[in-house]
PDB file of N, CA and C in Angstrom:
ATOM      1  N   MET A   1      -8.906 -10.563  -1.406  1.00  0.00           N
ATOM      2  CA  MET A   1      -7.637  -9.915  -1.994  1.00  0.00           C
ATOM      3  C   MET A   1      -7.454  -9.018  -1.003  1.00  0.00           C
ATOM      4  N   ARG A   2      -6.131  -8.623  -0.321  1.00  0.00           N
ATOM      5  CA  ARG A   2      -5.773  -7.845   0.804  1.00  0.00           C
ATOM      6  C   ARG A   2      -4.900  -6.762   0.257  1.00  0.00           C
ATOM      7  N   TYR A   3      -5.270  -5.452   0.643  1.00  0.00           N
ATOM      8  CA  TYR A   3      -4.458  -4.258   0.154  1.00  0.00           C
ATOM      9  C   TYR A   3      -3.633  -3.622   1.497  1.00  0.00           C
ATOM     10  N   ALA A   4      -2.819  -3.183   1.234  1.00  0.00           N
ATOM     11  CA  ALA A   4      -1.878  -2.409   2.204  1.00  0.00           C
ATOM     12  C   ALA A   4      -1.649  -1.033   1.701  1.00  0.00           C
ATOM     13  N   VAL A   5      -2.037  -0.172   2.690  1.00  0.00           N
ATOM     14  CA  VAL A   5      -1.585   1.387   2.294  1.00  0.00           C
ATOM     15  C   VAL A   5      -0.829   1.956   3.524  1.00  0.00           C
ATOM     16  N   PRO A   6       0.379   2.342   3.383  1.00  0.00           N
ATOM     17  CA  PRO A   6       1.188   3.171   4.190  1.00  0.00           C
ATOM     18  C   PRO A   6       0.502   4.481   4.733  1.00  0.00           C
ATOM     19  N   ILE A   7       0.332   4.638   6.043  1.00  0.00           N
ATOM     20  CA  ILE A   7      -0.210   5.945   6.626  1.00  0.00           C
ATOM     21  C   ILE A   7       0.687   6.487   7.475  1.00  0.00           C
ATOM     22  N   SER A   8       0.333   7.738   7.536  1.00  0.00           N
ATOM     23  CA  SER A   8       0.931   8.591   8.751  1.00  0.00           C
ATOM     24  C   SER A   8      -0.173   9.610   8.984  1.00  0.00           C
ATOM     25  N   GLY A   9      -0.520  10.021  10.294  1.00  0.00           N
ATOM     26  CA  GLY A   9      -1.595  10.863  10.589  1.00  0.00           C
ATOM     27  C   GLY A   9      -2.943  10.497   9.839  1.00  0.00           C
ATOM     28  N   GLY A  10      -3.050   9.163   9.592  1.00  0.00           N
ATOM     29  CA  GLY A  10      -4.340   8.958   9.090  1.00  0.00           C
ATOM     30  C   GLY A  10      -4.498   9.103   7.488  1.00  0.00           C
ATOM     31  N   LYS A  11      -3.469   9.717   6.764  1.00  0.00           N
ATOM     32  CA  LYS A  11      -3.494   9.833   5.485  1.00  0.00           C
ATOM     33  C   LYS A  11      -2.298   8.999   4.837  1.00  0.00           C
ATOM     34  N   ILE A  12      -2.374   8.857   3.558  1.00  0.00           N
ATOM     35  CA  ILE A  12      -1.595   8.095   2.908  1.00  0.00           C
ATOM     36  C   ILE A  12       0.137   8.694   3.046  1.00  0.00           C
ATOM     37  N   ALA A  13       0.947   7.866   3.418  1.00  0.00           N
ATOM     38  CA  ALA A  13       2.383   8.434   3.645  1.00  0.00           C
ATOM     39  C   ALA A  13       2.895   8.664   2.074  1.00  0.00           C
ATOM     40  N   VAL A  14       3.606   9.833   2.169  1.00  0.00           N
ATOM     41  CA  VAL A  14       4.322  10.133   0.949  1.00  0.00           C
ATOM     42  C   VAL A  14       5.548   9.102   0.689  1.00  0.00           C
ATOM     43  N   HIS A  15       6.005   8.780   1.674  1.00  0.00           N
ATOM     44  CA  HIS A  15       7.312   7.827   1.486  1.00  0.00           C
ATOM     45  C   HIS A  15       6.687   6.418   2.261  1.00  0.00           C
ATOM     46  N   PHE A  16       6.816   5.324   1.550  1.00  0.00           N
ATOM     47  CA  PHE A  16       6.201   3.986   2.131  1.00  0.00           C
ATOM     48  C   PHE A  16       7.005   3.657   3.212  1.00  0.00           C
ATOM     49  N   GLY A  17       8.308   3.553   3.260  1.00  0.00           N
ATOM     50  CA  GLY A  17       9.112   3.119   4.181  1.00  0.00           C
ATOM     51  C   GLY A  17       9.039   3.888   5.504  1.00  0.00           C
ATOM     52  N   HIS A  18       8.671   5.216   5.548  1.00  0.00           N
ATOM     53  CA  HIS A  18       8.884   5.959   6.640  1.00  0.00           C
ATOM     54  C   HIS A  18       7.184   6.117   7.288  1.00  0.00           C
ATOM     55  N   CYS A  19       6.312   5.273   7.080  1.00  0.00           N
ATOM     56  CA  CYS A  19       4.957   5.517   7.530  1.00  0.00           C
ATOM     57  C   CYS A  19       4.923   4.880   8.956  1.00  0.00           C
ATOM     58  N   SER A  20       3.971   5.489   9.831  1.00  0.00           N
ATOM     59  CA  SER A  20       3.908   5.078  11.249  1.00  0.00           C
ATOM     60  C   SER A  20       3.042   3.816  11.239  1.00  0.00           C
ATOM     61  N   HIS A  21       2.129   3.606  10.339  1.00  0.00           N
ATOM     62  CA  HIS A  21       1.140   2.403  10.280  1.00  0.00           C
ATOM     63  C   HIS A  21       0.845   2.048   9.070  1.00  0.00           C
ATOM     64  N   PHE A  22       0.017   0.895   8.927  1.00  0.00           N
ATOM     65  CA  PHE A  22      -0.411   0.257   7.555  1.00  0.00           C
ATOM     66  C   PHE A  22      -1.795   0.222   7.641  1.00  0.00           C
ATOM     67  N   ALA A  23      -2.486   0.616   6.848  1.00  0.00           N
ATOM     68  CA  ALA A  23      -4.093   0.208   6.764  1.00  0.00           C
ATOM     69  C   ALA A  23      -4.114  -0.999   5.835  1.00  0.00           C
ATOM     70  N   LEU A  24      -4.756  -1.997   6.434  1.00  0.00           N
ATOM     71  CA  LEU A  24      -4.885  -3.159   5.595  1.00  0.00           C
ATOM     72  C   LEU A  24      -6.338  -3.518   5.371  1.00  0.00           C
ATOM     73  N   PHE A  25      -6.649  -3.667   4.177  1.00  0.00           N
ATOM     74  CA  PHE A  25      -8.009  -3.652   3.677  1.00  0.00           C
ATOM     75  C   PHE A  25      -8.406  -5.013   3.093  1.00  0.00           C
ATOM     76  N   ASP A  26      -9.321  -5.741   3.414  1.00  0.00           N
ATOM     77  CA  ASP A  26      -9.782  -6.822   2.746  1.00  0.00           C
ATOM     78  C   ASP A  26     -10.886  -6.704   1.759  1.00  0.00           C
ATOM     79  N   VAL A  27     -10.708  -7.026   0.658  1.00  0.00           N
ATOM     80  CA  VAL A  27     -11.548  -6.524  -0.469  1.00  0.00           C
ATOM     81  C   VAL A  27     -12.169  -7.752  -1.137  1.00  0.00           C
ATOM     82  N   ASP A  28     -13.319  -7.624  -1.324  1.00  0.00           N
ATOM     83  CA  ASP A  28     -14.104  -8.915  -2.069  1.00  0.00           C
ATOM     84  C   ASP A  28     -14.199  -8.319  -3.541  1.00  0.00           C
ATOM     85  N   GLU A  29     -13.366  -8.948  -4.327  1.00  0.00           N
ATOM     86  CA  GLU A  29     -13.288  -8.813  -5.755  1.00  0.00           C
ATOM     87  C   GLU A  29     -14.576  -8.768  -6.507  1.00  0.00           C
ATOM     88  N   ALA A  30     -15.467  -9.822  -6.107  1.00  0.00           N
ATOM     89  CA  ALA A  30     -16.791 -10.002  -6.864  1.00  0.00           C
ATOM     90  C   ALA A  30     -17.758  -8.959  -6.688  1.00  0.00           C
ATOM     91  N   THR A  31     -17.817  -8.345  -5.504  1.00  0.00           N
ATOM     92  CA  THR A  31     -18.699  -7.134  -5.082  1.00  0.00           C
ATOM     93  C   THR A  31     -17.993  -5.954  -5.353  1.00  0.00           C
ATOM     94  N   MET A  32     -16.639  -5.884  -5.357  1.00  0.00           N
ATOM     95  CA  MET A  32     -15.742  -4.703  -5.326  1.00  0.00           C
ATOM     96  C   MET A  32     -15.976  -3.991  -4.084  1.00  0.00           C
ATOM     97  N   ALA A  33     -15.995  -4.523  -2.867  1.00  0.00           N
ATOM     98  CA  ALA A  33     -16.341  -3.864  -1.702  1.00  0.00           C
ATOM     99  C   ALA A  33     -15.229  -4.177  -0.753  1.00  0.00           C
ATOM    100  N   ILE A  34     -15.054  -3.288   0.289  1.00  0.00           N
ATOM    101  CA  ILE A  34     -14.186  -3.502   1.302  1.00  0.00           C
ATOM    102  C   ILE A  34     -15.150  -4.282   2.291  1.00  0.00           C
ATOM    103  N   MET A  35     -14.344  -5.367   2.777  1.00  0.00           N
ATOM    104  CA  MET A  35     -15.084  -6.340   3.674  1.00  0.00           C
ATOM    105  C   MET A  35     -14.586  -6.021   5.192  1.00  0.00           C
ATOM    106  N   GLY A  36     -13.293  -5.656   5.257  1.00  0.00           N
ATOM    107  CA  GLY A  36     -12.730  -5.260   6.489  1.00  0.00           C
ATOM    108  C   GLY A  36     -11.587  -4.491   6.526  1.00  0.00           C
ATOM    109  N   LYS A  37     -11.249  -3.842   7.466  1.00  0.00           N
ATOM    110  CA  LYS A  37     -10.199  -2.831   7.680  1.00  0.00           C
ATOM    111  C   LYS A  37      -9.386  -2.996   9.047  1.00  0.00           C
ATOM    112  N   GLU A  38      -8.065  -2.984   8.834  1.00  0.00           N
ATOM    113  CA  GLU A  38      -7.322  -2.987  10.185  1.00  0.00           C
ATOM    114  C   GLU A  38      -6.211  -2.152  10.111  1.00  0.00           C
ATOM    115  N   ILE A  39      -5.902  -1.243  11.217  1.00  0.00           N
ATOM    116  CA  ILE A  39      -4.794  -0.442  11.304  1.00  0.00           C
ATOM    117  C   ILE A  39      -3.615  -0.913  12.090  1.00  0.00           C
ATOM    118  N   VAL A  40      -2.596  -1.305  11.341  1.00  0.00           N
ATOM    119  CA  VAL A  40      -1.514  -1.775  12.293  1.00  0.00           C
ATOM    120  C   VAL A  40      -0.197  -1.027  12.309  1.00  0.00           C
ATOM    121  N   PRO A  41       0.619  -0.937  13.287  1.00  0.00           N
ATOM    122  CA  PRO A  41       1.802  -0.231  13.414  1.00  0.00           C
ATOM    123  C   PRO A  41       2.824  -0.955  12.423  1.00  0.00           C
ATOM    124  N   SER A  42       3.537   0.023  11.803  1.00  0.00           N
ATOM    125  CA  SER A  42       4.849  -0.552  11.059  1.00  0.00           C
ATOM    126  C   SER A  42       5.651  -1.022  11.850  1.00  0.00           C
ATOM    127  N   PRO A  43       6.243  -2.272  11.355  1.00  0.00           N
ATOM    128  CA  PRO A  43       7.236  -2.924  12.178  1.00  0.00           C
ATOM    129  C   PRO A  43       8.706  -2.122  12.048  1.00  0.00           C
ATOM    130  N   GLY A  44       8.693  -1.113  11.340  1.00  0.00           N
ATOM    131  CA  GLY A  44      10.000  -0.346  11.158  1.00  0.00           C
ATOM    132  C   GLY A  44      10.520  -0.215   9.801  1.00  0.00           C
ATOM    133  N   HIS A  45      11.879   0.456   9.665  1.00  0.00           N
ATOM    134  CA  HIS A  45      12.148   0.647   8.353  1.00  0.00           C
ATOM    135  C   HIS A  45      13.628   0.071   8.311  1.00  0.00           C
ATOM    136  N   GLU A  46      13.727  -1.228   7.907  1.00  0.00           N
ATOM    137  CA  GLU A  46      15.012  -1.867   7.474  1.00  0.00           C
ATOM    138  C   GLU A  46      14.850  -2.518   6.075  1.00  0.00           C
ATOM    139  N   PRO A  47      16.007  -2.520   5.428  1.00  0.00           N
ATOM    140  CA  PRO A  47      15.929  -3.114   4.034  1.00  0.00           C
ATOM    141  C   PRO A  47      15.368  -4.462   4.126  1.00  0.00           C
ATOM    142  N   GLY A  48      14.442  -4.648   3.137  1.00  0.00           N
ATOM    143  CA  GLY A  48      13.632  -5.879   2.978  1.00  0.00           C
ATOM    144  C   GLY A  48      12.774  -6.336   3.977  1.00  0.00           C
ATOM    145  N   LEU A  49      12.554  -5.574   4.973  1.00  0.00           N
ATOM    146  CA  LEU A  49      11.590  -6.112   6.102  1.00  0.00           C
ATOM    147  C   LEU A  49      10.081  -5.790   5.717  1.00  0.00           C
ATOM    148  N   LEU A  50       9.870  -4.570   5.239  1.00  0.00           N
ATOM    149  CA  LEU A  50       8.393  -4.580   4.909  1.00  0.00           C
ATOM    150  C   LEU A  50       7.832  -5.325   3.921  1.00  0.00           C
ATOM    151  N   PRO A  51       8.472  -5.647   2.743  1.00  0.00           N
ATOM    152  CA  PRO A  51       7.885  -6.440   1.850  1.00  0.00           C
ATOM    153  C   PRO A  51       7.733  -7.794   2.384  1.00  0.00           C
ATOM    154  N   ALA A  52       8.687  -8.472   2.969  1.00  0.00           N
ATOM    155  CA  ALA A  52       8.487  -9.847   3.508  1.00  0.00           C
ATOM    156  C   ALA A  52       7.353  -9.787   4.565  1.00  0.00           C
ATOM    157  N   TRP A  53       7.230  -8.851   5.361  1.00  0.00           N
ATOM    158  CA  TRP A  53       6.255  -8.638   6.600  1.00  0.00           C
ATOM    159  C   TRP A  53       4.937  -8.499   5.738  1.00  0.00           C
ATOM    160  N   LEU A  54       4.815  -7.690   4.670  1.00  0.00           N
ATOM    161  CA  LEU A  54       3.337  -7.641   4.303  1.00  0.00           C
ATOM    162  C   LEU A  54       3.067  -8.821   3.334  1.00  0.00           C
ATOM    163  N   ALA A  55       3.968  -9.538   2.951  1.00  0.00           N
ATOM    164  CA  ALA A  55       3.703 -10.767   2.164  1.00  0.00           C
ATOM    165  C   ALA A  55       3.177 -11.841   3.213  1.00  0.00           C
ATOM    166  N   ASP A  56       3.801 -11.780   4.504  1.00  0.00           N
ATOM    167  CA  ASP A  56       3.167 -12.748   5.444  1.00  0.00           C
ATOM    168  C   ASP A  56       1.909 -12.432   5.984  1.00  0.00           C
ATOM    169  N   GLU A  57       1.608 -11.062   5.780  1.00  0.00           N
ATOM    170  CA  GLU A  57       0.186 -10.677   6.100  1.00  0.00           C
ATOM    171  C   GLU A  57      -0.940 -10.894   5.039  1.00  0.00           C
ATOM    172  N   GLY A  58      -0.415 -11.619   4.010  1.00  0.00           N
ATOM    173  CA  GLY A  58      -1.404 -11.801   2.889  1.00  0.00           C
ATOM    174  C   GLY A  58      -1.650 -10.868   1.992  1.00  0.00           C
ATOM    175  N   VAL A  59      -0.853  -9.838   1.836  1.00  0.00           N
ATOM    176  CA  VAL A  59      -1.112  -8.642   0.977  1.00  0.00           C
ATOM    177  C   VAL A  59      -0.811  -9.085  -0.403  1.00  0.00           C
ATOM    178  N   SER A  60      -1.759  -8.562  -1.266  1.00  0.00           N
ATOM    179  CA  SER A  60      -1.843  -8.836  -2.873  1.00  0.00           C
ATOM    180  C   SER A  60      -1.494  -7.361  -3.537  1.00  0.00           C
ATOM    181  N   VAL A  61      -1.726  -6.378  -2.869  1.00  0.00           N
ATOM    182  CA  VAL A  61      -1.805  -4.983  -3.523  1.00  0.00           C
ATOM    183  C   VAL A  61      -1.194  -3.901  -2.504  1.00  0.00           C
ATOM    184  N   VAL A  62       0.001  -3.206  -2.860  1.00  0.00           N
ATOM    185  CA  VAL A  62       0.320  -2.097  -2.028  1.00  0.00           C
ATOM    186  C   VAL A  62       0.027  -0.736  -2.881  1.00  0.00           C
ATOM    187  N   VAL A  63      -0.695   0.176  -2.137  1.00  0.00           N
ATOM    188  CA  VAL A  63      -0.876   1.442  -2.780  1.00  0.00           C
ATOM    189  C   VAL A  63      -0.237   2.489  -1.952  1.00  0.00           C
ATOM    190  N   ALA A  64       0.568   3.196  -2.658  1.00  0.00           N
ATOM    191  CA  ALA A  64       1.601   4.214  -1.794  1.00  0.00           C
ATOM    192  C   ALA A  64       1.707   5.485  -2.599  1.00  0.00           C
ATOM    193  N   GLY A  65       2.133   6.391  -1.975  1.00  0.00           N
ATOM    194  CA  GLY A  65       2.597   7.693  -2.474  1.00  0.00           C
ATOM    195  C   GLY A  65       3.975   7.374  -3.254  1.00  0.00           C
ATOM    196  N   GLY A  66       4.870   7.031  -2.654  1.00  0.00           N
ATOM    197  CA  GLY A  66       6.189   6.807  -3.221  1.00  0.00           C
ATOM    198  C   GLY A  66       6.818   5.519  -2.638  1.00  0.00           C
ATOM    199  N   MET A  67       7.803   4.919  -3.433  1.00  0.00           N
ATOM    200  CA  MET A  67       8.563   3.900  -2.973  1.00  0.00           C
ATOM    201  C   MET A  67       9.658   3.714  -3.851  1.00  0.00           C
ATOM    202  N   GLY A  68      10.858   3.288  -3.022  1.00  0.00           N
ATOM    203  CA  GLY A  68      12.015   3.131  -3.466  1.00  0.00           C
ATOM    204  C   GLY A  68      12.141   1.754  -4.459  1.00  0.00           C
ATOM    205  N   SER A  69      13.118   1.798  -5.472  1.00  0.00           N
ATOM    206  CA  SER A  69      13.015   0.807  -6.442  1.00  0.00           C
ATOM    207  C   SER A  69      13.542  -0.524  -5.900  1.00  0.00           C
ATOM    208  N   ARG A  70      14.227  -0.673  -4.893  1.00  0.00           N
ATOM    209  CA  ARG A  70      14.609  -1.870  -4.212  1.00  0.00           C
ATOM    210  C   ARG A  70      13.434  -2.541  -3.854  1.00  0.00           C
ATOM    211  N   ALA A  71      12.612  -1.712  -2.919  1.00  0.00           N
ATOM    212  CA  ALA A  71      11.256  -2.264  -2.402  1.00  0.00           C
ATOM    213  C   ALA A  71      10.305  -2.589  -3.300  1.00  0.00           C
ATOM    214  N   GLN A  72      10.212  -1.979  -4.376  1.00  0.00           N
ATOM    215  CA  GLN A  72       9.345  -2.465  -5.405  1.00  0.00           C
ATOM    216  C   GLN A  72       9.791  -3.660  -6.195  1.00  0.00           C
ATOM    217  N   GLY A  73      11.042  -3.883  -6.287  1.00  0.00           N
ATOM    218  CA  GLY A  73      11.594  -5.201  -6.801  1.00  0.00           C
ATOM    219  C   GLY A  73      11.258  -6.324  -5.876  1.00  0.00           C
ATOM    220  N   LEU A  74      11.467  -6.100  -4.451  1.00  0.00           N
ATOM    221  CA  LEU A  74      11.086  -7.243  -3.481  1.00  0.00           C
ATOM    222  C   LEU A  74       9.580  -7.386  -3.485  1.00  0.00           C
ATOM    223  N   PHE A  75       8.733  -6.568  -3.831  1.00  0.00           N
ATOM    224  CA  PHE A  75       7.377  -6.862  -3.803  1.00  0.00           C
ATOM    225  C   PHE A  75       7.066  -7.527  -5.262  1.00  0.00           C
ATOM    226  N   THR A  76       7.677  -7.208  -6.080  1.00  0.00           N
ATOM    227  CA  THR A  76       7.424  -8.073  -7.423  1.00  0.00           C
ATOM    228  C   THR A  76       7.875  -9.462  -7.252  1.00  0.00           C
ATOM    229  N   GLU A  77       8.857  -9.684  -6.576  1.00  0.00           N
ATOM    230  CA  GLU A  77       9.393 -11.113  -6.254  1.00  0.00           C
ATOM    231  C   GLU A  77       8.415 -12.025  -5.595  1.00  0.00           C
ATOM    232  N   SER A  78       7.715 -11.051  -4.674  1.00  0.00           N
ATOM    233  CA  SER A  78       6.703 -11.798  -3.853  1.00  0.00           C
ATOM    234  C   SER A  78       5.419 -11.895  -4.530  1.00  0.00           C
ATOM    235  N   ARG A  79       5.327 -11.479  -5.570  1.00  0.00           N
ATOM    236  CA  ARG A  79       4.095 -11.373  -6.528  1.00  0.00           C
ATOM    237  C   ARG A  79       3.052 -10.445  -5.893  1.00  0.00           C
ATOM    238  N   ILE A  80       3.569  -9.248  -5.555  1.00  0.00           N
ATOM    239  CA  ILE A  80       2.533  -8.339  -4.799  1.00  0.00           C
ATOM    240  C   ILE A  80       2.597  -7.029  -5.573  1.00  0.00           C
ATOM    241  N   GLN A  81       1.411  -6.755  -6.246  1.00  0.00           N
ATOM    242  CA  GLN A  81       1.359  -5.498  -7.213  1.00  0.00           C
ATOM    243  C   GLN A  81       1.535  -4.121  -6.417  1.00  0.00           C
ATOM    244  N   VAL A  82       2.346  -3.389  -7.004  1.00  0.00           N
ATOM    245  CA  VAL A  82       2.657  -2.051  -6.410  1.00  0.00           C
ATOM    246  C   VAL A  82       2.112  -1.059  -7.271  1.00  0.00           C
ATOM    247  N   VAL A  83       1.181  -0.080  -6.494  1.00  0.00           N
ATOM    248  CA  VAL A  83       0.642   1.270  -7.139  1.00  0.00           C
ATOM    249  C   VAL A  83       1.397   2.243  -6.587  1.00  0.00           C
ATOM    250  N   VAL A  84       2.080   2.948  -7.157  1.00  0.00           N
ATOM    251  CA  VAL A  84       2.692   4.484  -6.565  1.00  0.00           C
ATOM    252  C   VAL A  84       2.294   5.531  -7.333  1.00  0.00           C
ATOM    253  N   GLY A  85       2.603   6.656  -6.882  1.00  0.00           N
ATOM    254  CA  GLY A  85       2.248   7.857  -7.307  1.00  0.00           C
ATOM    255  C   GLY A  85       0.933   8.354  -6.789  1.00  0.00           C
ATOM    256  N   ILE A  86       0.498   8.111  -5.730  1.00  0.00           N
ATOM    257  CA  ILE A  86      -0.992   8.291  -5.223  1.00  0.00           C
ATOM    258  C   ILE A  86      -0.865   9.497  -4.380  1.00  0.00           C
ATOM    259  N   SER A  87      -1.477  10.790  -4.772  1.00  0.00           N
ATOM    260  CA  SER A  87      -1.422  11.936  -3.983  1.00  0.00           C
ATOM    261  C   SER A  87      -2.749  12.125  -3.175  1.00  0.00           C
ATOM    262  N   GLN A  88      -3.690  11.208  -3.525  1.00  0.00           N
ATOM    263  CA  GLN A  88      -4.775  11.140  -2.752  1.00  0.00           C
ATOM    264  C   GLN A  88      -4.719  10.802  -1.192  1.00  0.00           C
ATOM    265  N   GLY A  89      -5.271  11.617  -0.294  1.00  0.00           N
ATOM    266  CA  GLY A  89      -4.796  11.399   1.147  1.00  0.00           C
ATOM    267  C   GLY A  89      -5.569  10.338   1.947  1.00  0.00           C
ATOM    268  N   ASP A  90      -6.816   9.909   1.439  1.00  0.00           N
ATOM    269  CA  ASP A  90      -7.555   9.127   2.095  1.00  0.00           C
ATOM    270  C   ASP A  90      -7.343   7.588   1.724  1.00  0.00           C
ATOM    271  N   PRO A  91      -6.663   6.694   2.421  1.00  0.00           N
ATOM    272  CA  PRO A  91      -6.394   5.382   2.148  1.00  0.00           C
ATOM    273  C   PRO A  91      -7.672   4.551   1.671  1.00  0.00           C
ATOM    274  N   GLU A  92      -8.774   4.629   2.277  1.00  0.00           N
ATOM    275  CA  GLU A  92      -9.927   3.792   1.884  1.00  0.00           C
ATOM    276  C   GLU A  92     -10.456   4.299   0.486  1.00  0.00           C
ATOM    277  N   ALA A  93     -10.381   5.537   0.334  1.00  0.00           N
ATOM    278  CA  ALA A  93     -10.900   5.935  -1.037  1.00  0.00           C
ATOM    279  C   ALA A  93      -9.965   5.589  -2.081  1.00  0.00           C
ATOM    280  N   ALA A  94      -8.526   5.671  -1.827  1.00  0.00           N
ATOM    281  CA  ALA A  94      -7.833   5.216  -2.880  1.00  0.00           C
ATOM    282  C   ALA A  94      -8.003   3.479  -3.219  1.00  0.00           C
ATOM    283  N   VAL A  95      -8.126   2.750  -2.050  1.00  0.00           N
ATOM    284  CA  VAL A  95      -8.277   1.303  -2.439  1.00  0.00           C
ATOM    285  C   VAL A  95      -9.693   1.248  -3.184  1.00  0.00           C
ATOM    286  N   LEU A  96     -10.766   1.931  -2.815  1.00  0.00           N
ATOM    287  CA  LEU A  96     -11.985   1.695  -3.584  1.00  0.00           C
ATOM    288  C   LEU A  96     -11.848   2.337  -4.970  1.00  0.00           C
ATOM    289  N   ASP A  97     -10.930   3.393  -5.193  1.00  0.00           N
ATOM    290  CA  ASP A  97     -10.878   3.987  -6.688  1.00  0.00           C
ATOM    291  C   ASP A  97      -9.934   2.646  -7.353  1.00  0.00           C
ATOM    292  N   HIS A  98      -8.855   2.049  -6.739  1.00  0.00           N
ATOM    293  CA  HIS A  98      -8.217   1.087  -7.364  1.00  0.00           C
ATOM    294  C   HIS A  98      -9.075   0.055  -7.698  1.00  0.00           C
ATOM    295  N   ILE A  99     -10.078  -0.486  -7.053  1.00  0.00           N
ATOM    296  CA  ILE A  99     -10.974  -1.678  -7.114  1.00  0.00           C
ATOM    297  C   ILE A  99     -11.753  -1.339  -8.552  1.00  0.00           C
ATOM    298  N   LYS A 100     -12.169  -0.084  -8.511  1.00  0.00           N
ATOM    299  CA  LYS A 100     -13.083   0.501  -9.720  1.00  0.00           C
ATOM    300  C   LYS A 100     -12.336   0.702 -11.037  1.00  0.00           C
ATOM    301  N   GLY A 101     -10.897   0.748 -10.772  1.00  0.00           N
ATOM    302  CA  GLY A 101     -10.253   1.152 -12.028  1.00  0.00           C
ATOM    303  C   GLY A 101     -10.098   2.575 -12.165  1.00  0.00           C
ATOM    304  N   THR A 102     -10.326   3.441 -11.138  1.00  0.00           N
ATOM    305  CA  THR A 102     -10.376   4.872 -11.547  1.00  0.00           C
ATOM    306  C   THR A 102      -9.437   5.613 -10.748  1.00  0.00           C
ATOM    307  N   LEU A 103      -8.347   4.876  -9.966  1.00  0.00           N
ATOM    308  CA  LEU A 103      -7.246   5.546  -9.165  1.00  0.00           C
ATOM    309  C   LEU A 103      -6.381   6.286  -9.978  1.00  0.00           C
ATOM    310  N   ALA A 104      -6.230   7.589  -9.792  1.00  0.00           N
ATOM    311  CA  ALA A 104      -5.425   8.556 -10.362  1.00  0.00           C
ATOM    312  C   ALA A 104      -3.979   8.325  -9.914  1.00  0.00           C
ATOM    313  N   THR A 105      -2.883   8.114 -10.706  1.00  0.00           N
ATOM    314  CA  THR A 105      -1.649   8.104 -10.258  1.00  0.00           C
ATOM    315  C   THR A 105      -0.705   8.989 -10.882  1.00  0.00           C
ATOM    316  N   GLY A 106       0.217   9.297 -10.445  1.00  0.00           N
ATOM    317  CA  GLY A 106       1.326  10.353 -10.849  1.00  0.00           C
ATOM    318  C   GLY A 106       2.547   9.841 -10.911  1.00  0.00           C
ATOM    319  N   ASP A 107       3.697  10.817 -10.547  1.00  0.00           N
ATOM    320  CA  ASP A 107       5.057  10.355 -10.481  1.00  0.00           C
ATOM    321  C   ASP A 107       5.175   9.697  -9.069  1.00  0.00           C
ATOM    322  N   ASN A 108       6.024   8.745  -8.941  1.00  0.00           N
ATOM    323  CA  ASN A 108       6.596   8.145  -7.713  1.00  0.00           C
ATOM    324  C   ASN A 108       7.008   9.181  -6.899  1.00  0.00           C
ATOM    325  N   LEU A 109       6.549   9.243  -5.767  1.00  0.00           N
ATOM    326  CA  LEU A 109       6.869  10.567  -4.987  1.00  0.00           C
ATOM    327  C   LEU A 109       8.161  10.197  -3.927  1.00  0.00           C
ATOM    328  N   CYS A 110       8.765   9.007  -4.249  1.00  0.00           N
ATOM    329  CA  CYS A 110      10.172   8.599  -3.583  1.00  0.00           C
ATOM    330  C   CYS A 110      11.180   8.963  -4.505  1.00  0.00           C
ATOM    331  N   ASP A 111      12.316   9.540  -4.115  1.00  0.00           N
ATOM    332  CA  ASP A 111      13.338   9.885  -4.834  1.00  0.00           C
ATOM    333  C   ASP A 111      14.587   8.865  -4.785  1.00  0.00           C
ATOM    334  N   HIS A 112      14.379   7.713  -4.374  1.00  0.00           N
ATOM    335  CA  HIS A 112      15.467   6.762  -4.193  1.00  0.00           C
ATOM    336  C   HIS A 112      15.054   5.267  -4.668  1.00  0.00           C
TER     337      HIS A 112
END
């Protein structure tokens, strides 16, 4: 399973589409452990670009602070789970918490 977390300055970006990079985590579901991590630059912010790009990268789950409803719909169409409302700053800790079922979520931090 592959997770994508939008980041800026090494922390989870508040707004999904305006991140500078994505942290991609390869997770072994059987052991609930992160097997690999890669930081890649965001290809930019254009309508529909990021959901298609992350689907091509093999992402199964996106963990973000906030995301617009259109992007969420595009991820759903691509069978990618979206988890929003993350206020925690550490992307790796957020993925580990999600794997364990202990990730705290709040309101979607995106207002569109």
